[in-house]
Amino acid sequence: MVTIGNHILASRTILAPMAGVTDRPFRQLCKHLGAGMAVSEMITSDTRLWQTRKSQQRLPHQSEPSPRSVQIAGSIPDMMAEAARQNVAMGAEIIDINMGCPAKKVCKRAAGSALLQDEPLVAAILQSVVAAVDVPVTLKIRTGWDPQNRNAVSIARLAEDCGIQALAVHGRTRACRFNGQAEYDTIAAVVAAVNIPVFANGDIRAPHQAREILDHTGAAAVMIGRAAQGNPWLFREINHYLEKGTLAEPPSAQELADTIAAHIRAIHKHYGDYLGTRIARKHVGWYVGSLPSGEIFRKHFNELDNPSQQLKSLNHFLTGQEEWETAA
């Protein structure tokens, strides 16, 4: 059983926050398929920017099932505290603080994983946010800012002292970005150093990997990011393996078609016809990437700009009504 404050997670699998990916339709899909929690896309702590189209589509949160975890990013303690308060007012039940993003546009503002170099500022941000809200506050970090400076254990102890109630650790440093292999020894050291739940993140792509990483690190749960793109069934498969020790049956062709179509319809509804058809393209690309003739179909799908056309073409491809091998 994994708990964050008074929230009990339904499983030991969590969807990681990913900008441009973990929007409301995808979060709801992953929860439906077994994710115990799905963390929102990163929201800037500068509330002056919340009137942009992108921010408006990430707010508010009341309509989603619990637990509703919203990630905020920034480097100014007072602004982070105010962003946390306003997100709670809009329905957030857990506030997650981003200190793990390695993107240049985030780090150049001294936010995300860049903060790991400034432990006093880390403490100031965590204390401000925890004091500002009456919901649990969690933190996502990397193992350090480069392989010679892995300070995740120090940050984890600091976080616990500041009142952080759960911690996700990606097994790479900021300098590593997403290159090379994630390492889990540092995550194991973090687990040993604190008494709050720790979530292991990085390169978890299969049920047996999840089991091995949980055993190696002692983490309370695994956090799945890029591996869920195009494969939200991974949460169900990992849960089944952790509970029964056997591999779950893969989704049938019919379930595959129905689930993908429902996800694309939800994207159209959430974003509207113009933006929805464009956002649908990347998700469909992930879904069909490993399927026979998937690349041929992806190129065709990317030319469609009408929701009904997209859904009709997708159904034909997934149910075998078109011979895409001859379309090259």
Protein backbone atom coordinates (compact mmCIF):
# COMPACT_ATOMS: atom_id res chain seq x y z
CA MET A 1 0.00 0.00 0.00
CA VAL A 2 1.40 3.38 -1.07
CA THR A 3 0.14 6.48 0.70
CA ILE A 4 0.72 10.19 0.13
CA GLY A 5 -0.78 12.05 3.03
CA ASN A 6 -4.36 10.78 3.30
CA HIS A 7 -4.35 9.45 -0.28
CA ILE A 8 -4.00 5.71 -0.81
CA LEU A 9 -2.76 4.83 -4.29
CA ALA A 10 -4.58 2.02 -6.05
CA SER A 11 -1.34 0.49 -7.35
CA ARG A 12 2.45 0.75 -7.26
CA THR A 13 2.64 2.30 -10.72
CA ILE A 14 2.57 6.05 -11.34
CA LEU A 15 2.47 8.06 -14.55
CA ALA A 16 5.33 10.56 -14.60
CA PRO A 17 4.68 14.19 -15.53
CA MET A 18 5.72 14.88 -19.13
CA ALA A 19 5.27 18.23 -20.84
CA GLY A 20 3.10 17.91 -23.91
CA VAL A 21 2.13 14.34 -23.04
CA THR A 22 0.41 13.91 -19.68
CA ASP A 23 -2.59 16.05 -20.46
CA ARG A 24 -6.03 15.27 -19.06
CA PRO A 25 -7.03 12.70 -21.74
CA PHE A 26 -3.80 10.74 -21.31
CA ARG A 27 -3.88 10.89 -17.51
CA GLN A 28 -7.42 9.58 -17.42
CA LEU A 29 -6.53 6.77 -19.83
CA CYS A 30 -3.52 5.68 -17.79
CA LYS A 31 -5.54 5.72 -14.58
CA HIS A 32 -8.19 3.60 -16.28
CA LEU A 33 -5.47 1.11 -17.25
CA GLY A 34 -4.02 0.81 -13.76
CA ALA A 35 -1.86 3.82 -12.89
CA GLY A 36 -2.28 4.49 -9.18
CA MET A 37 -1.61 8.17 -9.80
CA ALA A 38 -1.04 10.34 -12.87
CA VAL A 39 0.87 13.59 -12.41
CA SER A 40 -0.08 16.58 -14.54
CA GLU A 41 2.05 18.35 -17.06
CA MET A 42 4.35 20.94 -15.56
CA ILE A 43 2.65 24.28 -14.88
CA THR A 44 4.72 27.43 -14.55
CA SER A 45 4.67 29.12 -11.17
CA ASP A 46 4.35 32.51 -12.88
CA THR A 47 0.59 32.97 -12.62
CA ARG A 48 0.81 35.96 -14.99
CA LEU A 49 1.30 33.43 -17.78
CA TRP A 50 -1.73 31.34 -16.92
CA GLN A 51 -3.91 33.16 -19.43
CA THR A 52 -2.12 31.51 -22.34
CA ARG A 53 -3.98 28.83 -24.29
CA LYS A 54 -1.53 26.17 -23.14
CA SER A 55 -1.96 26.98 -19.46
CA GLN A 56 -5.73 27.25 -19.72
CA GLN A 57 -5.88 23.72 -21.12
CA ARG A 58 -3.94 22.47 -18.10
CA LEU A 59 -6.31 24.16 -15.62
CA PRO A 60 -8.54 23.54 -13.66
CA HIS A 61 -8.50 20.08 -12.09
CA GLN A 62 -11.80 19.40 -10.32
CA SER A 63 -13.26 17.08 -12.96
CA GLU A 64 -10.58 14.41 -12.60
CA PRO A 65 -10.67 11.42 -10.26
CA SER A 66 -8.53 11.39 -7.11
CA PRO A 67 -5.74 11.70 -6.37
CA ARG A 68 -5.19 14.82 -8.47
CA SER A 69 -1.46 15.62 -8.50
CA VAL A 70 -0.39 18.86 -10.18
CA GLN A 71 3.25 19.66 -10.87
CA ILE A 72 4.53 23.23 -10.63
CA ALA A 73 7.91 24.60 -11.70
CA GLY A 74 9.83 27.72 -10.82
CA SER A 75 12.66 29.08 -8.71
CA ILE A 76 11.13 31.91 -6.63
CA PRO A 77 9.73 30.62 -3.31
CA ASP A 78 6.89 33.15 -3.01
CA MET A 79 5.75 32.55 -6.59
CA MET A 80 5.86 28.79 -6.09
CA ALA A 81 3.79 29.13 -2.93
CA GLU A 82 1.17 31.26 -4.68
CA ALA A 83 1.02 28.86 -7.64
CA ALA A 84 0.46 26.00 -5.21
CA ARG A 85 -2.35 27.86 -3.43
CA GLN A 86 -4.13 28.69 -6.67
CA ASN A 87 -3.84 25.13 -8.00
CA VAL A 88 -5.33 23.78 -4.78
CA ALA A 89 -8.18 26.26 -5.15
CA MET A 90 -8.77 24.80 -8.63
CA GLY A 91 -8.91 21.23 -7.36
CA ALA A 92 -5.35 19.96 -6.95
CA GLU A 93 -5.14 17.40 -4.13
CA ILE A 94 -1.36 16.96 -4.26
CA ILE A 95 1.22 19.56 -5.29
CA ASP A 96 4.33 18.16 -6.96
CA ILE A 97 7.45 20.33 -7.28
CA ASN A 98 9.60 19.94 -10.37
CA MET A 99 13.32 19.72 -9.67
CA GLY A 100 13.96 17.02 -12.23
CA CYS A 101 13.36 18.53 -15.67
CA PRO A 102 16.64 18.78 -17.65
CA ALA A 103 15.20 20.90 -20.49
CA LYS A 104 17.35 23.92 -21.32
CA LYS A 105 14.42 26.34 -21.38
CA VAL A 106 13.59 25.30 -17.81
CA CYS A 107 17.12 25.07 -16.46
CA LYS A 108 18.19 28.42 -17.92
CA ARG A 109 15.62 29.99 -15.62
CA ALA A 110 17.36 28.22 -12.70
CA ALA A 111 14.35 25.93 -12.32
CA GLY A 112 13.88 22.17 -12.76
CA SER A 113 16.99 20.11 -12.14
CA ALA A 114 19.18 23.25 -12.14
CA LEU A 115 17.92 23.84 -8.59
CA LEU A 116 19.83 20.79 -7.35
CA GLN A 117 22.99 22.93 -7.35
CA ASP A 118 21.52 25.32 -4.76
CA GLU A 119 20.41 23.45 -1.65
CA PRO A 120 19.53 26.58 0.36
CA LEU A 121 17.18 27.67 -2.44
CA VAL A 122 15.74 24.15 -2.57
CA ALA A 123 14.96 24.39 1.13
CA ALA A 124 13.39 27.83 0.76
CA ILE A 125 11.11 26.66 -2.06
CA LEU A 126 10.04 23.49 -0.27
CA GLN A 127 9.35 25.29 3.01
CA SER A 128 7.32 28.00 1.25
CA VAL A 129 5.15 25.58 -0.71
CA VAL A 130 4.54 23.22 2.20
CA ALA A 131 3.51 26.14 4.41
CA ALA A 132 1.23 27.56 1.73
CA VAL A 133 -1.16 24.64 1.27
CA ASP A 134 -3.02 22.09 3.35
CA VAL A 135 -2.54 19.24 0.87
CA PRO A 136 0.46 16.91 0.57
CA VAL A 137 3.48 18.26 -1.29
CA THR A 138 5.75 15.91 -3.23
CA LEU A 139 9.02 16.43 -5.08
CA LYS A 140 10.58 15.05 -8.25
CA ILE A 141 14.36 15.19 -8.62
CA ARG A 142 17.27 13.63 -10.45
CA THR A 143 20.26 11.96 -8.83
CA GLY A 144 22.27 15.21 -9.06
CA TRP A 145 23.41 17.76 -11.61
CA ASP A 146 26.23 15.67 -13.11
CA PRO A 147 27.83 12.26 -12.43
CA GLN A 148 30.48 13.86 -10.22
CA ASN A 149 27.86 15.62 -8.12
CA ARG A 150 25.13 13.20 -7.15
CA ASN A 151 23.49 14.86 -4.18
CA ALA A 152 20.09 13.14 -4.27
CA VAL A 153 20.54 11.74 -0.75
CA SER A 154 21.25 15.20 0.66
CA ILE A 155 18.28 16.69 -1.20
CA ALA A 156 16.04 13.83 -0.04
CA ARG A 157 16.90 14.37 3.61
CA LEU A 158 16.36 18.08 3.19
CA ALA A 159 13.00 17.43 1.54
CA GLU A 160 11.84 15.18 4.35
CA ASP A 161 12.87 17.78 6.92
CA CYS A 162 10.86 20.42 5.02
CA GLY A 163 7.69 18.33 5.11
CA ILE A 164 7.72 16.75 1.65
CA GLN A 165 5.54 13.63 1.82
CA ALA A 166 6.83 11.62 -1.16
CA LEU A 167 9.80 11.80 -3.49
CA ALA A 168 10.30 10.63 -7.08
CA VAL A 169 13.88 10.11 -8.24
CA HIS A 170 14.90 9.77 -11.88
CA GLY A 171 18.02 7.63 -12.13
CA ARG A 172 20.04 10.12 -14.17
CA THR A 173 21.73 13.43 -13.45
CA ARG A 174 20.75 16.70 -15.07
CA ALA A 175 23.83 16.54 -17.30
CA CYS A 176 22.87 13.06 -18.52
CA ARG A 177 19.49 14.31 -19.76
CA PHE A 178 17.99 11.09 -21.22
CA ASN A 179 21.26 9.64 -22.47
CA GLY A 180 22.82 6.37 -21.35
CA GLN A 181 21.20 4.04 -18.86
CA ALA A 182 19.46 5.03 -15.67
CA GLU A 183 21.20 3.86 -12.50
CA TYR A 184 19.36 2.73 -9.40
CA ASP A 185 22.04 2.53 -6.71
CA THR A 186 21.50 6.20 -5.90
CA ILE A 187 17.75 5.62 -5.65
CA ALA A 188 18.41 2.74 -3.24
CA ALA A 189 20.58 5.06 -1.15
CA VAL A 190 17.78 7.63 -1.07
CA VAL A 191 15.27 4.99 0.06
CA ALA A 192 17.64 4.00 2.88
CA ALA A 193 18.12 7.62 3.94
CA VAL A 194 14.50 8.76 4.38
CA ASN A 195 11.22 7.57 5.84
CA ILE A 196 8.90 8.95 3.16
CA PRO A 197 7.76 6.99 0.07
CA VAL A 198 10.28 7.04 -2.77
CA PHE A 199 9.30 6.36 -6.38
CA ALA A 200 11.90 4.94 -8.77
CA ASN A 201 11.87 6.50 -12.25
CA GLY A 202 13.87 5.95 -15.42
CA ASP A 203 14.05 3.27 -18.15
CA ILE A 204 11.25 1.12 -16.76
CA ARG A 205 9.81 -0.46 -19.89
CA ALA A 206 8.61 -3.92 -18.89
CA PRO A 207 6.99 -5.76 -15.97
CA HIS A 208 10.09 -7.73 -15.03
CA GLN A 209 12.16 -4.53 -14.97
CA ALA A 210 9.69 -2.95 -12.57
CA ARG A 211 9.95 -5.95 -10.25
CA GLU A 212 13.75 -5.95 -10.37
CA ILE A 213 14.01 -2.21 -9.73
CA LEU A 214 11.56 -2.32 -6.81
CA ASP A 215 13.54 -5.20 -5.31
CA HIS A 216 16.90 -3.48 -5.88
CA THR A 217 15.94 -0.06 -4.58
CA GLY A 218 13.27 -0.82 -2.00
CA ALA A 219 11.17 1.95 -3.58
CA ALA A 220 7.48 2.16 -2.77
CA ALA A 221 6.45 2.40 -6.43
CA VAL A 222 7.73 2.83 -9.95
CA MET A 223 7.10 5.96 -11.98
CA ILE A 224 6.68 5.38 -15.72
CA GLY A 225 7.37 8.12 -18.25
CA ARG A 226 8.38 7.67 -21.89
CA ALA A 227 7.61 3.93 -21.91
CA ALA A 228 3.92 4.75 -21.51
CA GLN A 229 3.84 6.74 -24.73
CA GLY A 230 1.89 4.51 -27.10
CA ASN A 231 1.67 1.79 -24.45
CA PRO A 232 -0.60 2.84 -21.57
CA TRP A 233 -1.35 -0.87 -21.02
CA LEU A 234 2.08 -1.06 -19.37
CA PHE A 235 0.54 -0.01 -16.05
CA ARG A 236 -1.89 -2.93 -16.10
CA GLU A 237 0.86 -5.33 -17.15
CA ILE A 238 3.22 -4.24 -14.37
CA ASN A 239 0.45 -4.39 -11.76
CA HIS A 240 -0.44 -7.91 -12.85
CA TYR A 241 3.18 -9.04 -12.71
CA LEU A 242 3.74 -7.52 -9.27
CA GLU A 243 0.60 -9.17 -7.90
CA LYS A 244 0.75 -12.58 -9.58
CA GLY A 245 4.30 -13.04 -10.84
CA THR A 246 3.08 -13.86 -14.34
CA LEU A 247 2.70 -11.85 -17.52
CA ALA A 248 -0.75 -10.52 -18.30
CA GLU A 249 -2.40 -11.22 -21.61
CA PRO A 250 -1.66 -8.40 -24.06
CA PRO A 251 -4.60 -6.30 -25.21
CA SER A 252 -6.65 -7.91 -27.96
CA ALA A 253 -6.85 -6.30 -31.39
CA GLN A 254 -10.34 -5.11 -30.53
CA GLU A 255 -9.29 -3.59 -27.22
CA LEU A 256 -6.34 -1.95 -28.93
CA ALA A 257 -8.60 -0.37 -31.54
CA ASP A 258 -11.29 0.68 -29.06
CA THR A 259 -8.83 2.16 -26.55
CA ILE A 260 -6.86 4.15 -29.09
CA ALA A 261 -10.03 5.48 -30.72
CA ALA A 262 -11.45 6.53 -27.34
CA HIS A 263 -8.19 8.32 -26.51
CA ILE A 264 -8.18 10.20 -29.82
CA ARG A 265 -11.83 11.21 -29.37
CA ALA A 266 -10.97 12.52 -25.91
CA ILE A 267 -8.11 14.56 -27.39
CA HIS A 268 -10.45 16.06 -30.00
CA LYS A 269 -12.98 16.95 -27.30
CA HIS A 270 -10.39 18.45 -24.93
CA TYR A 271 -8.53 20.59 -27.45
CA GLY A 272 -11.13 21.23 -30.16
CA ASP A 273 -10.99 20.20 -33.80
CA TYR A 274 -8.03 22.28 -34.97
CA LEU A 275 -5.55 21.66 -32.17
CA GLY A 276 -6.96 18.24 -31.30
CA THR A 277 -6.24 16.77 -34.73
CA ARG A 278 -2.66 17.98 -34.51
CA ILE A 279 -2.04 16.68 -31.00
CA ALA A 280 -3.61 13.35 -31.97
CA ARG A 281 -0.86 12.85 -34.54
CA LYS A 282 1.96 12.34 -32.07
CA HIS A 283 -0.05 9.91 -29.94
CA VAL A 284 -1.09 7.88 -32.98
CA GLY A 285 2.53 7.87 -34.09
CA TRP A 286 3.49 6.29 -30.77
CA TYR A 287 0.63 3.80 -30.90
CA VAL A 288 1.34 2.50 -34.41
CA GLY A 289 5.13 2.80 -34.35
CA SER A 290 5.70 -0.89 -33.59
CA LEU A 291 2.82 -2.22 -35.71
CA PRO A 292 3.25 -3.64 -39.22
CA SER A 293 3.11 -0.80 -41.76
CA GLY A 294 2.85 1.63 -38.84
CA GLU A 295 5.28 4.13 -40.35
CA ILE A 296 3.37 4.20 -43.64
CA PHE A 297 0.10 4.76 -41.81
CA ARG A 298 1.62 7.44 -39.57
CA LYS A 299 2.61 9.51 -42.61
CA HIS A 300 -0.90 9.17 -44.01
CA PHE A 301 -2.52 10.04 -40.67
CA ASN A 302 -0.39 13.17 -40.31
CA GLU A 303 -1.98 14.58 -43.45
CA LEU A 304 -5.50 14.36 -42.02
CA ASP A 305 -6.90 17.49 -40.37
CA ASN A 306 -10.49 16.47 -39.70
CA PRO A 307 -11.50 14.54 -36.55
CA SER A 308 -13.92 12.21 -38.33
CA GLN A 309 -11.34 11.47 -41.03
CA GLN A 310 -8.76 10.65 -38.38
CA LEU A 311 -11.06 8.28 -36.54
CA LYS A 312 -12.28 6.55 -39.70
CA SER A 313 -8.77 6.07 -41.04
CA LEU A 314 -7.50 4.87 -37.66
CA ASN A 315 -10.30 2.33 -37.41
CA HIS A 316 -9.57 1.02 -40.91
CA PHE A 317 -5.89 0.61 -40.09
CA LEU A 318 -6.34 -1.03 -36.70
CA THR A 319 -9.06 -3.43 -37.91
CA GLY A 320 -7.20 -4.41 -41.07
CA GLN A 321 -9.59 -2.80 -43.53
CA GLU A 322 -6.77 -1.18 -45.51
CA GLU A 323 -3.65 -2.74 -47.04
CA TRP A 324 -1.09 -0.20 -45.97
CA GLU A 325 1.83 -2.25 -47.30
CA THR A 326 0.84 -1.17 -50.82
CA ALA A 327 0.53 2.50 -49.91
CA ALA A 328 4.25 3.23 -49.84
